[in-house]
């Protein structure tokens, strides 16, 4: 991979947007369903400085990008008091789904930009095409990883919302170990070279859906 400063700068824009908008979406939807915690703390904003975690938002995504691995990262979690939601167990699903959902929407938008940038029109540009394709990849990657059914990931909260209460209570107790399980999973997959085997199918399916919905042939750049 080209490690030039130009490439790094171009990749930074979609990576930071993907992570910060993901977090802001959680806070925005939480407010819609009754919890204004994130709003009162100024976290429902597109200002990346409010969301950036030096390790999760900068070092980890760029390390995985430059090493050619599966893009992964995180921002400072937006605080959500699920007890303030009007119907906590049900509304938790929509708050959790907001992050991956907005990542999918951004992947669609970046795909449209890629279609323009890789064409023959006045906006055709190798730099813009690289930025747009990075935007597609990082947003789809974050969506796929965050939908894994592990707490505290969004997929875990969605599953917790859907489980009947007798199963939801013991499942919720796994959250105390969740972060270590997620990091351990990413490390094991990377070390054993099985990332593509496990995460590849849902990643390719999502890329295919983005291409089908936008009419952009993403195989040209991925």
Protein backbone atom coordinates (compact mmCIF):
# COMPACT_ATOMS: atom_id res chain seq x y z
CA UNK A 1 0.00 0.00 0.00
CA UNK A 2 1.15 3.51 -0.78
CA UNK A 3 2.22 5.05 2.55
CA UNK A 4 2.54 8.59 1.19
CA UNK A 5 1.43 11.52 3.31
CA UNK A 6 -1.10 12.39 0.61
CA UNK A 7 -2.77 8.98 0.83
CA UNK A 8 -2.86 9.11 4.62
CA UNK A 9 -4.43 12.59 4.53
CA UNK A 10 -7.04 11.48 1.99
CA UNK A 11 -7.94 8.44 4.07
CA UNK A 12 -8.19 10.47 7.29
CA UNK A 13 -11.31 12.34 6.17
CA UNK A 14 -13.63 9.34 5.61
CA UNK A 15 -12.20 7.42 8.59
CA UNK A 16 -12.80 10.25 11.07
CA UNK A 17 -16.24 10.97 9.60
CA UNK A 18 -17.25 7.31 9.76
CA UNK A 19 -16.40 6.98 13.42
CA UNK A 20 -17.65 10.35 14.68
CA UNK A 21 -20.95 10.34 12.77
CA UNK A 22 -21.54 6.79 14.04
CA UNK A 23 -21.27 8.01 17.64
CA UNK A 24 -23.31 11.17 17.08
CA UNK A 25 -26.09 9.05 15.58
CA UNK A 26 -26.38 7.02 18.78
CA UNK A 27 -26.82 10.20 20.83
CA UNK A 28 -29.30 11.72 18.40
CA UNK A 29 -31.55 8.65 18.34
CA UNK A 30 -31.28 8.25 22.12
CA UNK A 31 -32.60 11.79 22.50
CA UNK A 32 -35.49 10.96 20.15
CA UNK A 33 -36.46 8.09 22.44
CA UNK A 34 -36.20 10.01 25.70
CA UNK A 35 -32.57 10.09 26.85
CA UNK A 36 -30.89 13.49 26.49
CA UNK A 37 -27.64 12.56 28.26
CA UNK A 38 -25.43 12.79 25.17
CA UNK A 39 -27.21 15.95 24.03
CA UNK A 40 -26.62 17.72 27.35
CA UNK A 41 -22.94 16.75 27.28
CA UNK A 42 -22.49 18.18 23.79
CA UNK A 43 -21.85 14.79 22.18
CA UNK A 44 -24.57 15.00 19.53
CA UNK A 45 -22.28 16.87 17.18
CA UNK A 46 -20.23 16.32 14.03
CA UNK A 47 -17.24 18.03 15.64
CA UNK A 48 -14.68 15.18 15.60
CA UNK A 49 -12.79 16.65 18.56
CA UNK A 50 -15.76 15.70 20.76
CA UNK A 51 -15.52 12.05 19.75
CA UNK A 52 -11.88 11.27 18.97
CA UNK A 53 -10.10 8.69 21.07
CA UNK A 54 -6.34 8.94 20.35
CA UNK A 55 -5.93 5.16 20.23
CA UNK A 56 -9.24 3.96 18.82
CA UNK A 57 -9.87 6.76 16.34
CA UNK A 58 -6.33 7.39 15.14
CA UNK A 59 -3.76 4.69 15.87
CA UNK A 60 -5.83 1.53 15.45
CA UNK A 61 -7.67 2.44 12.19
CA UNK A 62 -4.50 3.70 10.51
CA UNK A 63 -2.50 0.70 11.71
CA UNK A 64 -5.04 -1.74 10.28
CA UNK A 65 -5.33 0.31 7.09
CA UNK A 66 -1.59 0.52 6.51
CA UNK A 67 -1.02 -3.14 7.37
CA UNK A 68 -3.68 -4.14 4.89
CA UNK A 69 -5.94 -5.68 7.52
CA UNK A 70 -9.67 -5.36 8.20
CA UNK A 71 -10.31 -1.73 9.09
CA UNK A 72 -11.35 -1.29 12.70
CA UNK A 73 -11.51 1.48 15.25
CA UNK A 74 -13.66 3.24 17.79
CA UNK A 75 -14.42 6.66 19.23
CA UNK A 76 -15.19 7.76 22.77
CA UNK A 77 -18.54 6.04 23.42
CA UNK A 78 -21.50 8.37 23.50
CA UNK A 79 -23.10 8.11 26.96
CA UNK A 80 -26.60 6.66 26.87
CA UNK A 81 -28.69 6.09 29.97
CA UNK A 82 -30.94 3.31 28.76
CA UNK A 83 -33.08 3.69 31.86
CA UNK A 84 -34.22 7.08 30.57
CA UNK A 85 -35.60 5.63 27.33
CA UNK A 86 -39.38 5.49 27.17
CA UNK A 87 -39.31 1.71 26.71
CA UNK A 88 -35.70 0.77 27.52
CA UNK A 89 -35.57 -2.78 26.20
CA UNK A 90 -37.36 -1.98 22.95
CA UNK A 91 -35.81 1.43 22.30
CA UNK A 92 -32.30 0.09 22.94
CA UNK A 93 -32.54 -1.64 19.55
CA UNK A 94 -33.06 1.64 17.66
CA UNK A 95 -30.32 3.47 19.56
CA UNK A 96 -27.87 0.65 18.84
CA UNK A 97 -28.90 0.27 15.20
CA UNK A 98 -28.38 3.99 14.53
CA UNK A 99 -24.60 3.65 14.37
CA UNK A 100 -24.35 0.81 11.83
CA UNK A 101 -27.30 2.30 9.97
CA UNK A 102 -25.60 5.65 9.45
CA UNK A 103 -22.40 3.85 8.39
CA UNK A 104 -24.37 2.09 5.65
CA UNK A 105 -25.84 5.40 4.48
CA UNK A 106 -22.36 6.96 4.38
CA UNK A 107 -21.08 3.96 2.40
CA UNK A 108 -23.81 4.64 -0.16
CA UNK A 109 -22.84 8.31 -0.39
CA UNK A 110 -19.13 7.53 -0.75
CA UNK A 111 -19.96 4.97 -3.45
CA UNK A 112 -21.76 7.67 -5.44
CA UNK A 113 -18.71 9.92 -5.08
CA UNK A 114 -16.52 7.03 -6.24
CA UNK A 115 -18.70 6.60 -9.30
CA UNK A 116 -18.18 10.23 -10.24
CA UNK A 117 -14.47 10.26 -9.39
CA UNK A 118 -13.68 7.15 -11.44
CA UNK A 119 -15.60 8.34 -14.48
CA UNK A 120 -14.49 10.54 -17.35
CA UNK A 121 -16.22 13.74 -16.32
CA UNK A 122 -14.85 16.98 -14.92
CA UNK A 123 -14.80 15.55 -11.37
CA UNK A 124 -12.71 12.51 -12.27
CA UNK A 125 -9.78 12.33 -9.85
CA UNK A 126 -7.52 9.56 -8.57
CA UNK A 127 -7.26 11.27 -5.18
CA UNK A 128 -11.02 11.68 -4.82
CA UNK A 129 -11.55 8.11 -5.97
CA UNK A 130 -9.13 6.83 -3.32
CA UNK A 131 -10.87 8.90 -0.62
CA UNK A 132 -14.31 7.70 -1.70
CA UNK A 133 -13.33 4.03 -1.88
CA UNK A 134 -11.71 4.32 1.55
CA UNK A 135 -15.01 5.78 2.74
CA UNK A 136 -16.91 2.79 1.40
CA UNK A 137 -14.49 0.30 2.97
CA UNK A 138 -14.25 1.92 6.41
CA UNK A 139 -18.01 2.42 6.74
CA UNK A 140 -18.84 -1.13 5.66
CA UNK A 141 -16.08 -2.49 7.92
CA UNK A 142 -17.36 -0.57 10.95
CA UNK A 143 -20.91 -1.67 10.22
CA UNK A 144 -19.95 -5.35 9.95
CA UNK A 145 -17.74 -5.37 13.06
CA UNK A 146 -20.24 -3.41 15.15
CA UNK A 147 -23.03 -5.80 14.22
CA UNK A 148 -21.20 -8.77 15.77
CA UNK A 149 -23.48 -10.12 18.53
CA UNK A 150 -21.08 -9.25 21.35
CA UNK A 151 -21.68 -6.69 24.08
CA UNK A 152 -20.92 -3.79 24.17
CA UNK A 153 -21.01 -3.71 20.35
CA UNK A 154 -24.17 -2.50 18.66
CA UNK A 155 -24.99 -6.01 17.47
CA UNK A 156 -24.85 -7.17 21.07
CA UNK A 157 -27.30 -4.49 22.17
CA UNK A 158 -29.63 -5.31 19.29
CA UNK A 159 -29.55 -8.98 20.31
CA UNK A 160 -30.11 -8.03 23.97
CA UNK A 161 -33.16 -6.04 22.94
CA UNK A 162 -34.59 -8.98 21.01
CA UNK A 163 -33.92 -11.72 23.57
CA UNK A 164 -36.70 -12.71 26.00
CA UNK A 165 -36.00 -11.44 29.50
CA UNK A 166 -34.92 -14.81 30.99
CA UNK A 167 -32.13 -14.97 28.37
CA UNK A 168 -31.43 -11.24 28.22
CA UNK A 169 -30.41 -10.98 31.88
CA UNK A 170 -27.56 -13.55 31.80
CA UNK A 171 -26.50 -12.31 28.37
CA UNK A 172 -26.22 -8.74 29.68
CA UNK A 173 -23.73 -9.98 32.30
CA UNK A 174 -21.23 -10.77 29.54
CA UNK A 175 -20.73 -7.05 28.88
CA UNK A 176 -18.07 -6.76 31.59
CA UNK A 177 -15.81 -8.96 29.45
CA UNK A 178 -17.07 -7.72 26.09
CA UNK A 179 -14.33 -5.24 25.19
CA UNK A 180 -11.60 -7.81 25.82
CA UNK A 181 -13.50 -10.42 23.80
CA UNK A 182 -13.81 -8.06 20.84
CA UNK A 183 -10.15 -7.03 20.89
CA UNK A 184 -9.12 -10.65 21.37
CA UNK A 185 -11.25 -11.73 18.42
CA UNK A 186 -9.73 -9.10 16.13
CA UNK A 187 -6.20 -10.04 17.24
CA UNK A 188 -6.80 -13.78 16.78
CA UNK A 189 -8.37 -13.32 13.36
CA UNK A 190 -5.50 -11.10 12.23
CA UNK A 191 -2.80 -13.40 13.66
CA UNK A 192 -4.29 -16.54 12.12
CA UNK A 193 -5.14 -14.95 8.79
CA UNK A 194 -8.79 -15.93 9.16
CA UNK A 195 -10.25 -12.43 9.12
CA UNK A 196 -11.46 -12.85 5.56
CA UNK A 197 -12.93 -16.26 6.34
CA UNK A 198 -15.06 -14.96 9.23
CA UNK A 199 -15.77 -11.33 8.33
CA UNK A 200 -15.28 -11.57 4.57
CA UNK A 201 -18.73 -12.97 3.66
CA UNK A 202 -20.78 -10.26 5.45
CA UNK A 203 -18.32 -7.60 4.21
CA UNK A 204 -18.67 -8.73 0.60
CA UNK A 205 -22.44 -8.99 0.95
CA UNK A 206 -22.60 -5.41 2.25
CA UNK A 207 -20.30 -4.15 -0.51
CA UNK A 208 -22.50 -5.94 -3.04
CA UNK A 209 -25.61 -4.27 -1.58
CA UNK A 210 -23.95 -0.83 -1.73
CA UNK A 211 -22.96 -1.41 -5.35
CA UNK A 212 -26.41 -2.67 -6.28
CA UNK A 213 -28.21 0.25 -4.65
CA UNK A 214 -25.93 2.91 -6.18
CA UNK A 215 -25.24 1.29 -9.53
CA UNK A 216 -21.49 1.77 -8.99
CA UNK A 217 -19.16 -1.11 -9.83
CA UNK A 218 -17.01 -1.12 -6.69
CA UNK A 219 -14.98 -4.09 -7.91
CA UNK A 220 -12.94 -1.66 -9.99
CA UNK A 221 -11.37 -0.13 -6.90
CA UNK A 222 -11.62 -2.77 -4.17
